[in-house]
Amino acid sequence: MQTRRNFLQNAAKATLGIAVSGSILQDIASAKATELNAATLKFSQVKLPFSYAALEPNIDALTMEIHYTKHHMAYINAVNEAILAENIKEASEEQLLANISKYSPKARNNAGGAWNHNFFWESLSDKPSQPSEKLLTMINKTFGSLDKFKEQFAAAATSRFGSGWAWLILDDSGNLKITSTPNQDNPLMDIAEVKGIPILGLDVWEHAYYLHYQNKRADYIKNWWNVVNWKKVNERLA
């Protein structure tokens, strides 16, 4: 027969068990939430590796400031909104781009804009640099010379109708190739006509040059060569 003392002891044990179980469930739920948050892809803006005025006279300070703080940040914010709204669970930015056809135009345009501009900032430098011996050998083999490569790259950038990008990429065979993409598309996307790994990219949207060059895209391209970060390009090739 259960005594009052036994009853109270058993009731206390049961209450303690429920409390412990509840605590464990809370810990599990918290861990799952942390795991989910950690798995949620989020784009961020790279720190500009130079001052806004550092690339003058080739790219003016006001254009750099507006391009970086307004245009690029808008892409960053919008793609992160799309990731949450569409419950996108890709493991990396590059994986998202590789599967971009699965998602909305908002995700596509802004993922491209966010990734492309981070790539672009790191492709620029206020410090002189040159192609590595390895890169120069590949350029000479593929295009004939560095000057001929620049001519062909400039032609791709100049002839891109409307807004877009020009790229130097490595194709599936490890060969250099010049291509261009419309809008904020890039060669990492599964919808790209020419796919590959970018090692150099040029933004030919008007917001990248119009304040200084107006409609003279060819002049912008010509002067852009003066601020190409060949050191970074060399690293991407390696």
Protein backbone atom coordinates (compact mmCIF):
# COMPACT_ATOMS: atom_id res chain seq x y z
CA MET A 1 0.00 0.00 0.00
CA GLN A 2 1.32 3.37 -1.02
CA THR A 3 1.97 5.71 1.87
CA ARG A 4 1.60 9.45 1.64
CA ARG A 5 5.39 9.75 1.82
CA ASN A 6 5.84 7.32 -1.10
CA PHE A 7 3.21 9.17 -3.10
CA LEU A 8 4.96 12.49 -2.63
CA GLN A 9 8.35 10.96 -3.51
CA ASN A 10 6.98 9.41 -6.70
CA ALA A 11 5.23 12.62 -7.67
CA ALA A 12 8.45 14.56 -7.20
CA LYS A 13 10.38 12.09 -9.36
CA ALA A 14 7.76 12.32 -12.10
CA THR A 15 7.87 16.10 -12.02
CA LEU A 16 11.66 16.03 -12.22
CA GLY A 17 11.49 13.60 -15.16
CA ILE A 18 9.09 15.84 -17.05
CA ALA A 19 11.32 18.85 -16.40
CA VAL A 20 14.42 17.01 -17.60
CA SER A 21 12.59 15.71 -20.68
CA GLY A 22 11.35 19.20 -21.45
CA SER A 23 14.86 20.59 -21.08
CA ILE A 24 16.25 17.92 -23.42
CA LEU A 25 13.56 18.65 -26.01
CA GLN A 26 14.34 22.35 -25.80
CA ASP A 27 18.04 21.62 -26.27
CA ILE A 28 17.28 19.45 -29.32
CA ALA A 29 15.02 22.13 -30.80
CA SER A 30 17.67 24.78 -30.18
CA ALA A 31 20.35 22.62 -31.80
CA LYS A 32 18.11 22.01 -34.83
CA ALA A 33 17.45 25.74 -35.17
CA THR A 34 21.18 26.47 -34.95
CA GLU A 35 21.88 23.80 -37.56
CA LEU A 36 19.20 25.23 -39.84
CA ASN A 37 20.52 28.76 -39.50
CA ALA A 38 24.06 27.57 -40.17
CA ALA A 39 22.87 25.79 -43.31
CA THR A 40 21.07 28.86 -44.68
CA LEU A 41 23.15 30.40 -47.45
CA LYS A 42 23.82 34.11 -47.07
CA PHE A 43 25.73 36.39 -49.43
CA SER A 44 27.95 39.13 -48.02
CA GLN A 45 29.88 41.98 -49.58
CA VAL A 46 33.67 41.75 -49.69
CA LYS A 47 35.57 44.68 -48.25
CA LEU A 48 36.75 46.98 -51.01
CA PRO A 49 40.55 46.45 -51.16
CA PHE A 50 41.26 50.12 -51.93
CA SER A 51 39.76 53.57 -51.42
CA TYR A 52 37.07 54.89 -53.74
CA ALA A 53 39.55 57.32 -55.29
CA ALA A 54 42.44 54.86 -55.59
CA LEU A 55 41.74 53.90 -59.20
CA GLU A 56 41.49 57.43 -60.59
CA PRO A 57 41.72 58.58 -63.32
CA ASN A 58 40.79 55.19 -64.76
CA ILE A 59 37.68 54.78 -62.58
CA ASP A 60 36.47 57.85 -60.71
CA ALA A 61 35.76 57.97 -56.99
CA LEU A 62 32.06 58.83 -57.25
CA THR A 63 31.40 55.94 -59.60
CA MET A 64 33.23 53.55 -57.28
CA GLU A 65 31.33 54.76 -54.23
CA ILE A 66 27.89 54.53 -55.85
CA HIS A 67 28.71 51.23 -57.55
CA TYR A 68 29.90 49.63 -54.30
CA THR A 69 27.53 51.11 -51.70
CA LYS A 70 24.33 51.32 -53.77
CA HIS A 71 24.27 48.94 -56.73
CA HIS A 72 26.21 46.06 -55.20
CA MET A 73 24.53 46.28 -51.80
CA ALA A 74 21.15 46.19 -53.52
CA TYR A 75 22.07 42.87 -55.12
CA ILE A 76 23.34 41.49 -51.80
CA ASN A 77 20.15 42.41 -49.96
CA ALA A 78 17.84 41.18 -52.70
CA VAL A 79 19.49 37.77 -53.14
CA ASN A 80 19.37 37.17 -49.39
CA GLU A 81 15.66 38.02 -49.44
CA ALA A 82 15.15 35.54 -52.28
CA ILE A 83 17.07 32.81 -50.43
CA LEU A 84 14.74 33.14 -47.43
CA ALA A 85 11.55 33.55 -49.46
CA GLU A 86 12.28 30.55 -51.69
CA ASN A 87 13.78 28.44 -48.89
CA ILE A 88 16.96 27.94 -50.91
CA LYS A 89 19.27 25.38 -49.28
CA GLU A 90 22.27 25.30 -51.61
CA ALA A 91 25.58 24.62 -49.86
CA SER A 92 27.50 27.55 -51.38
CA GLU A 93 27.19 30.57 -53.62
CA GLU A 94 28.75 28.65 -56.49
CA GLN A 95 26.36 25.73 -55.98
CA LEU A 96 23.43 28.14 -56.16
CA LEU A 97 24.77 29.56 -59.42
CA ALA A 98 25.25 26.04 -60.81
CA ASN A 99 21.56 25.32 -60.13
CA ILE A 100 20.19 28.79 -60.80
CA SER A 101 17.64 27.59 -63.38
CA LYS A 102 15.64 26.07 -60.50
CA TYR A 103 14.96 29.44 -58.95
CA SER A 104 13.18 32.72 -59.62
CA PRO A 105 14.40 35.58 -61.80
CA LYS A 106 14.94 37.53 -58.57
CA ALA A 107 17.29 34.86 -57.25
CA ARG A 108 19.08 34.56 -60.59
CA ASN A 109 19.59 38.26 -61.24
CA ASN A 110 20.64 39.15 -57.72
CA ALA A 111 22.78 36.08 -57.01
CA GLY A 112 24.65 36.94 -60.19
CA GLY A 113 24.91 40.60 -59.26
CA ALA A 114 26.16 39.81 -55.76
CA TRP A 115 28.73 37.23 -56.86
CA ASN A 116 29.91 39.08 -59.98
CA HIS A 117 30.64 42.30 -58.12
CA ASN A 118 32.58 40.60 -55.33
CA PHE A 119 34.63 38.97 -58.08
CA PHE A 120 35.00 42.32 -59.87
CA TRP A 121 36.29 44.26 -56.84
CA GLU A 122 38.98 41.67 -56.26
CA SER A 123 39.94 41.87 -59.94
CA LEU A 124 40.92 45.54 -59.49
CA SER A 125 43.98 47.05 -57.85
CA ASP A 126 45.71 50.39 -57.47
CA LYS A 127 49.06 48.56 -57.49
CA PRO A 128 50.71 47.63 -60.81
CA SER A 129 50.95 43.93 -61.59
CA GLN A 130 51.58 41.62 -64.53
CA PRO A 131 50.37 38.21 -65.74
CA SER A 132 52.41 35.34 -64.36
CA GLU A 133 54.69 33.35 -66.64
CA LYS A 134 52.17 30.50 -66.59
CA LEU A 135 49.25 32.76 -67.52
CA LEU A 136 51.23 34.62 -70.16
CA THR A 137 52.27 31.32 -71.76
CA MET A 138 48.63 30.22 -71.91
CA ILE A 139 47.55 33.60 -73.32
CA ASN A 140 50.22 33.50 -76.02
CA LYS A 141 49.28 29.94 -76.95
CA THR A 142 45.54 30.66 -77.12
CA PHE A 143 45.38 34.21 -78.45
CA GLY A 144 48.79 34.83 -80.02
CA SER A 145 50.00 37.54 -77.63
CA LEU A 146 48.88 39.61 -74.67
CA ASP A 147 47.96 42.50 -76.97
CA LYS A 148 45.85 40.22 -79.16
CA PHE A 149 44.14 38.82 -76.08
CA LYS A 150 43.29 42.35 -74.92
CA GLU A 151 41.88 43.15 -78.37
CA GLN A 152 39.64 40.08 -78.36
CA PHE A 153 38.54 40.65 -74.79
CA ALA A 154 37.75 44.30 -75.52
CA ALA A 155 35.76 43.24 -78.58
CA ALA A 156 33.65 40.89 -76.45
CA ALA A 157 33.07 43.62 -73.87
CA THR A 158 32.29 46.30 -76.45
CA SER A 159 29.92 44.14 -78.49
CA ARG A 160 27.88 42.92 -75.50
CA PHE A 161 24.54 44.56 -76.31
CA GLY A 162 22.99 46.46 -73.43
CA SER A 163 24.19 45.47 -69.98
CA GLY A 164 26.40 42.54 -69.10
CA TRP A 165 29.87 41.22 -68.44
CA ALA A 166 32.96 40.07 -70.34
CA TRP A 167 34.94 37.12 -68.97
CA LEU A 168 38.18 35.22 -69.29
CA ILE A 169 37.43 31.66 -68.20
CA LEU A 170 38.94 28.22 -67.93
CA ASP A 171 36.79 25.72 -69.82
CA ASP A 172 36.28 22.05 -68.94
CA SER A 173 39.56 21.17 -70.66
CA GLY A 174 41.53 23.78 -68.71
CA ASN A 175 41.90 26.06 -71.73
CA LEU A 176 41.45 29.82 -71.74
CA LYS A 177 38.38 31.21 -73.43
CA ILE A 178 36.79 34.65 -73.78
CA THR A 179 33.05 34.95 -73.40
CA SER A 180 30.37 37.44 -72.35
CA THR A 181 27.06 37.19 -70.54
CA PRO A 182 23.93 39.37 -70.46
CA ASN A 183 22.67 41.22 -67.39
CA GLN A 184 24.09 39.63 -64.20
CA ASP A 185 24.58 36.12 -65.59
CA ASN A 186 28.00 34.48 -65.38
CA PRO A 187 29.75 31.36 -66.75
CA LEU A 188 29.18 29.43 -63.50
CA MET A 189 25.44 29.35 -64.12
CA ASP A 190 23.77 26.31 -65.62
CA ILE A 191 21.96 28.61 -68.06
CA ALA A 192 25.17 30.16 -69.45
CA GLU A 193 25.78 29.61 -73.17
CA VAL A 194 29.50 29.19 -72.47
CA LYS A 195 30.36 27.64 -69.12
CA GLY A 196 33.63 27.70 -67.25
CA ILE A 197 35.54 29.01 -64.25
CA PRO A 198 36.04 32.80 -64.38
CA ILE A 199 39.52 34.15 -63.71
CA LEU A 200 38.89 37.72 -64.93
CA GLY A 201 35.67 39.67 -65.39
CA LEU A 202 34.67 43.15 -66.55
CA ASP A 203 31.41 44.89 -65.67
CA VAL A 204 30.04 46.71 -68.74
CA TRP A 205 26.80 47.90 -67.19
CA GLU A 206 26.53 51.65 -67.68
CA HIS A 207 26.49 52.22 -63.91
CA ALA A 208 30.13 51.01 -63.92
CA TYR A 209 31.39 53.85 -66.09
CA TYR A 210 28.75 56.34 -67.28
CA LEU A 211 29.46 59.19 -64.84
CA HIS A 212 33.01 59.48 -66.15
CA TYR A 213 32.88 58.06 -69.67
CA GLN A 214 29.24 58.66 -70.68
CA ASN A 215 28.60 56.50 -73.77
CA LYS A 216 32.29 55.82 -74.44
CA ARG A 217 32.42 52.21 -73.30
CA ALA A 218 35.51 51.54 -75.41
CA ASP A 219 37.49 54.20 -73.49
CA TYR A 220 36.40 52.71 -70.18
CA ILE A 221 37.57 49.27 -71.31
CA LYS A 222 40.88 50.64 -72.56
CA ASN A 223 41.64 52.37 -69.25
CA TRP A 224 40.37 49.44 -67.15
CA TRP A 225 43.46 47.45 -68.18
CA ASN A 226 45.54 49.91 -66.11
CA VAL A 227 43.87 48.72 -62.88
CA VAL A 228 43.51 44.99 -63.49
CA ASN A 229 44.73 42.98 -60.52
CA TRP A 230 46.85 40.45 -62.39
CA LYS A 231 48.13 39.09 -59.08
CA LYS A 232 44.60 37.93 -58.26
CA VAL A 233 44.07 36.55 -61.75
CA ASN A 234 47.30 34.58 -61.40
CA GLU A 235 46.05 33.14 -58.09
CA ARG A 236 42.78 32.05 -59.67
CA LEU A 237 44.64 30.27 -62.44
CA ALA A 238 46.87 28.46 -59.98
